[in-house]
Amino acid sequence: MSAQPADQRQDDTSFDAEITALIEDLLEEHEGFERAAFRALARSYLALLAESERLVADADRSCSRGFLRGLFSEGARPDLSEDEA
């Protein structure tokens, strides 16, 4: 037996329902013109892609290459004895 009356719908919170709602909002925002909605979606995607590439480049410049490769100068880290490793 359900806790809600039969005439009340439960909100669909699935990923597919969320995407469908976003598409409907996008079409509504562009007054039903699918081409304009696709253009806006593509523009947003390309901006997000460019930002992603910029963040990767920033991360590459800010990381120590020696640290990333696991190379440290001699004596920078204490040697682990065999029983500690």
N, C-alpha and C. Protein backbone atom coordinates (compact mmCIF):
# COMPACT_ATOMS: atom_id res chain seq x y z
N MET A 1 0.84 -1.17 0.00
CA MET A 1 0.00 0.00 0.00
C MET A 1 0.89 1.24 0.00
N SER A 2 0.55 2.22 -0.80
CA SER A 2 1.35 3.42 -0.95
C SER A 2 0.99 4.45 0.11
N ALA A 3 1.96 5.25 0.50
CA ALA A 3 1.73 6.29 1.49
C ALA A 3 1.09 7.52 0.87
N GLN A 4 1.13 7.64 -0.48
CA GLN A 4 0.55 8.78 -1.16
C GLN A 4 -0.75 8.39 -1.84
N PRO A 5 -1.68 9.33 -1.94
CA PRO A 5 -2.91 9.05 -2.70
C PRO A 5 -2.59 8.74 -4.15
N ALA A 6 -3.47 8.03 -4.82
CA ALA A 6 -3.23 7.59 -6.19
C ALA A 6 -3.13 8.74 -7.17
N ASP A 7 -3.77 9.87 -6.88
CA ASP A 7 -3.75 10.97 -7.83
C ASP A 7 -2.50 11.84 -7.74
N GLN A 8 -1.64 11.63 -6.76
CA GLN A 8 -0.40 12.39 -6.65
C GLN A 8 0.73 11.63 -7.34
N ARG A 9 1.48 12.37 -8.17
CA ARG A 9 2.62 11.76 -8.85
C ARG A 9 3.89 11.96 -8.04
N GLN A 10 4.74 10.99 -8.07
CA GLN A 10 6.04 11.14 -7.44
C GLN A 10 6.98 11.79 -8.45
N ASP A 11 7.84 12.68 -7.97
CA ASP A 11 8.80 13.32 -8.85
C ASP A 11 9.85 12.30 -9.27
N ASP A 12 10.12 12.28 -10.57
CA ASP A 12 11.15 11.39 -11.10
C ASP A 12 12.49 12.11 -10.96
N THR A 13 13.35 11.57 -10.13
CA THR A 13 14.64 12.21 -9.88
C THR A 13 15.78 11.49 -10.59
N SER A 14 15.47 10.68 -11.58
CA SER A 14 16.52 9.96 -12.29
C SER A 14 17.32 10.92 -13.16
N PHE A 15 18.48 10.47 -13.56
CA PHE A 15 19.37 11.27 -14.40
C PHE A 15 18.71 11.58 -15.73
N ASP A 16 18.00 10.61 -16.30
CA ASP A 16 17.31 10.81 -17.57
C ASP A 16 16.22 11.87 -17.45
N ALA A 17 15.51 11.87 -16.35
CA ALA A 17 14.47 12.88 -16.14
C ALA A 17 15.08 14.27 -15.99
N GLU A 18 16.22 14.34 -15.35
CA GLU A 18 16.91 15.63 -15.18
C GLU A 18 17.36 16.17 -16.53
N ILE A 19 17.90 15.30 -17.37
CA ILE A 19 18.33 15.72 -18.71
C ILE A 19 17.13 16.18 -19.53
N THR A 20 16.05 15.45 -19.46
CA THR A 20 14.83 15.83 -20.19
C THR A 20 14.34 17.20 -19.74
N ALA A 21 14.36 17.46 -18.46
CA ALA A 21 13.92 18.76 -17.95
C ALA A 21 14.86 19.87 -18.43
N LEU A 22 16.16 19.60 -18.46
CA LEU A 22 17.11 20.60 -18.94
C LEU A 22 16.89 20.91 -20.41
N ILE A 23 16.61 19.88 -21.21
CA ILE A 23 16.34 20.09 -22.64
C ILE A 23 15.07 20.91 -22.82
N GLU A 24 14.04 20.61 -22.06
CA GLU A 24 12.79 21.37 -22.15
C GLU A 24 13.01 22.83 -21.76
N ASP A 25 13.80 23.06 -20.71
CA ASP A 25 14.12 24.43 -20.29
C ASP A 25 14.89 25.17 -21.38
N LEU A 26 15.83 24.49 -22.00
CA LEU A 26 16.64 25.10 -23.05
C LEU A 26 15.79 25.47 -24.25
N LEU A 27 14.88 24.57 -24.64
CA LEU A 27 13.98 24.87 -25.76
C LEU A 27 13.03 26.02 -25.42
N GLU A 28 12.55 26.04 -24.20
CA GLU A 28 11.66 27.12 -23.77
C GLU A 28 12.40 28.46 -23.78
N GLU A 29 13.65 28.44 -23.33
CA GLU A 29 14.46 29.65 -23.29
C GLU A 29 14.67 30.22 -24.70
N HIS A 30 14.76 29.33 -25.69
CA HIS A 30 14.98 29.75 -27.07
C HIS A 30 13.69 29.70 -27.89
N GLU A 31 12.56 29.78 -27.21
CA GLU A 31 11.23 29.89 -27.81
C GLU A 31 10.94 28.79 -28.83
N GLY A 32 11.42 27.59 -28.56
CA GLY A 32 11.12 26.45 -29.41
C GLY A 32 12.02 26.28 -30.62
N PHE A 33 12.97 27.16 -30.80
CA PHE A 33 13.88 27.05 -31.94
C PHE A 33 15.01 26.08 -31.59
N GLU A 34 14.91 24.87 -32.15
CA GLU A 34 15.88 23.83 -31.82
C GLU A 34 17.30 24.22 -32.24
N ARG A 35 17.41 24.84 -33.41
CA ARG A 35 18.74 25.22 -33.91
C ARG A 35 19.42 26.22 -32.96
N ALA A 36 18.68 27.18 -32.45
CA ALA A 36 19.24 28.15 -31.51
C ALA A 36 19.62 27.47 -30.19
N ALA A 37 18.81 26.51 -29.78
CA ALA A 37 19.11 25.78 -28.54
C ALA A 37 20.37 24.95 -28.70
N PHE A 38 20.50 24.28 -29.86
CA PHE A 38 21.72 23.49 -30.11
C PHE A 38 22.95 24.40 -30.20
N ARG A 39 22.79 25.56 -30.80
CA ARG A 39 23.91 26.50 -30.90
C ARG A 39 24.35 26.94 -29.51
N ALA A 40 23.41 27.25 -28.65
CA ALA A 40 23.74 27.67 -27.28
C ALA A 40 24.40 26.53 -26.51
N LEU A 41 23.90 25.32 -26.73
CA LEU A 41 24.47 24.15 -26.06
C LEU A 41 25.90 23.89 -26.53
N ALA A 42 26.13 24.01 -27.84
CA ALA A 42 27.47 23.81 -28.39
C ALA A 42 28.42 24.89 -27.90
N ARG A 43 27.94 26.13 -27.84
CA ARG A 43 28.78 27.24 -27.36
C ARG A 43 29.19 26.99 -25.90
N SER A 44 28.25 26.55 -25.09
CA SER A 44 28.56 26.26 -23.68
C SER A 44 29.54 25.10 -23.56
N TYR A 45 29.36 24.08 -24.40
CA TYR A 45 30.25 22.92 -24.37
C TYR A 45 31.67 23.33 -24.74
N LEU A 46 31.82 24.14 -25.79
CA LEU A 46 33.15 24.56 -26.22
C LEU A 46 33.82 25.46 -25.18
N ALA A 47 33.04 26.31 -24.51
CA ALA A 47 33.60 27.14 -23.45
C ALA A 47 34.06 26.28 -22.28
N LEU A 48 33.28 25.27 -21.94
CA LEU A 48 33.65 24.36 -20.86
C LEU A 48 34.90 23.56 -21.22
N LEU A 49 34.99 23.13 -22.47
CA LEU A 49 36.16 22.40 -22.93
C LEU A 49 37.42 23.26 -22.88
N ALA A 50 37.31 24.52 -23.31
CA ALA A 50 38.46 25.44 -23.26
C ALA A 50 38.88 25.69 -21.82
N GLU A 51 37.91 25.85 -20.92
CA GLU A 51 38.23 26.06 -19.51
C GLU A 51 38.91 24.82 -18.92
N SER A 52 38.44 23.65 -19.31
CA SER A 52 39.05 22.41 -18.85
C SER A 52 40.51 22.31 -19.30
N GLU A 53 40.77 22.65 -20.56
CA GLU A 53 42.14 22.61 -21.08
C GLU A 53 43.02 23.63 -20.36
N ARG A 54 42.46 24.80 -20.05
CA ARG A 54 43.22 25.82 -19.33
C ARG A 54 43.57 25.34 -17.92
N LEU A 55 42.62 24.69 -17.26
CA LEU A 55 42.88 24.19 -15.91
C LEU A 55 43.93 23.09 -15.91
N VAL A 56 43.92 22.24 -16.93
CA VAL A 56 44.93 21.18 -17.03
C VAL A 56 46.31 21.81 -17.25
N ALA A 57 46.38 22.83 -18.10
CA ALA A 57 47.66 23.51 -18.34
C ALA A 57 48.16 24.18 -17.06
N ASP A 58 47.27 24.81 -16.30
CA ASP A 58 47.66 25.43 -15.03
C ASP A 58 48.16 24.38 -14.05
N ALA A 59 47.51 23.24 -14.00
CA ALA A 59 47.93 22.18 -13.09
C ALA A 59 49.30 21.65 -13.49
N ASP A 60 49.54 21.52 -14.78
CA ASP A 60 50.85 21.05 -15.24
C ASP A 60 51.95 22.02 -14.86
N ARG A 61 51.68 23.31 -14.94
CA ARG A 61 52.70 24.31 -14.60
C ARG A 61 52.93 24.40 -13.11
N SER A 62 51.94 24.08 -12.30
CA SER A 62 52.06 24.29 -10.87
C SER A 62 52.60 23.07 -10.11
N CYS A 63 52.76 21.94 -10.79
CA CYS A 63 53.22 20.73 -10.11
C CYS A 63 54.71 20.52 -10.35
N SER A 64 55.37 20.06 -9.34
CA SER A 64 56.78 19.72 -9.46
C SER A 64 56.93 18.44 -10.26
N ARG A 65 57.72 18.49 -11.32
CA ARG A 65 57.93 17.29 -12.14
C ARG A 65 58.61 16.18 -11.34
N GLY A 66 59.55 16.54 -10.48
CA GLY A 66 60.22 15.54 -9.66
C GLY A 66 59.26 14.86 -8.71
N PHE A 67 58.34 15.63 -8.14
CA PHE A 67 57.36 15.04 -7.23
C PHE A 67 56.44 14.09 -7.98
N LEU A 68 55.98 14.50 -9.15
CA LEU A 68 55.07 13.66 -9.92
C LEU A 68 55.72 12.35 -10.34
N ARG A 69 57.00 12.38 -10.63
CA ARG A 69 57.70 11.17 -11.04
C ARG A 69 58.24 10.37 -9.86
N GLY A 70 58.12 10.92 -8.66
CA GLY A 70 58.61 10.22 -7.49
C GLY A 70 60.11 10.35 -7.30
N LEU A 71 60.70 11.33 -7.96
CA LEU A 71 62.15 11.54 -7.86
C LEU A 71 62.43 12.61 -6.82
N PHE A 72 63.24 12.29 -5.86
CA PHE A 72 63.61 13.25 -4.84
C PHE A 72 65.12 13.27 -4.71
N SER A 73 65.63 14.41 -4.29
CA SER A 73 67.08 14.49 -4.10
C SER A 73 67.51 13.54 -2.98
N GLU A 74 68.73 13.11 -3.06
CA GLU A 74 69.27 12.16 -2.09
C GLU A 74 69.19 12.78 -0.69
N GLY A 75 68.62 12.08 0.25
CA GLY A 75 68.54 12.54 1.62
C GLY A 75 67.34 13.41 1.92
N ALA A 76 66.51 13.70 0.94
CA ALA A 76 65.34 14.54 1.18
C ALA A 76 64.29 13.80 2.01
N ARG A 77 64.23 12.50 1.85
CA ARG A 77 63.29 11.69 2.61
C ARG A 77 64.09 10.65 3.41
N PRO A 78 63.65 10.39 4.60
CA PRO A 78 64.35 9.35 5.37
C PRO A 78 64.14 7.98 4.73
N ASP A 79 65.19 7.19 4.76
CA ASP A 79 65.08 5.83 4.22
C ASP A 79 64.23 4.98 5.15
N LEU A 80 63.36 4.19 4.55
CA LEU A 80 62.54 3.28 5.34
C LEU A 80 63.32 1.98 5.50
N SER A 81 63.39 1.53 6.72
CA SER A 81 64.05 0.25 6.93
C SER A 81 63.15 -0.85 6.41
N GLU A 82 63.67 -2.02 6.20
CA GLU A 82 62.90 -3.12 5.62
C GLU A 82 61.70 -3.50 6.46
N ASP A 83 61.78 -3.39 7.78
CA ASP A 83 60.66 -3.78 8.63
C ASP A 83 59.57 -2.69 8.66
N GLU A 84 59.87 -1.44 8.28
CA GLU A 84 58.88 -0.37 8.23
C GLU A 84 58.14 -0.36 6.89
N ALA A 85 58.76 -0.86 5.83
CA ALA A 85 58.17 -0.81 4.50
C ALA A 85 57.12 -1.83 4.28
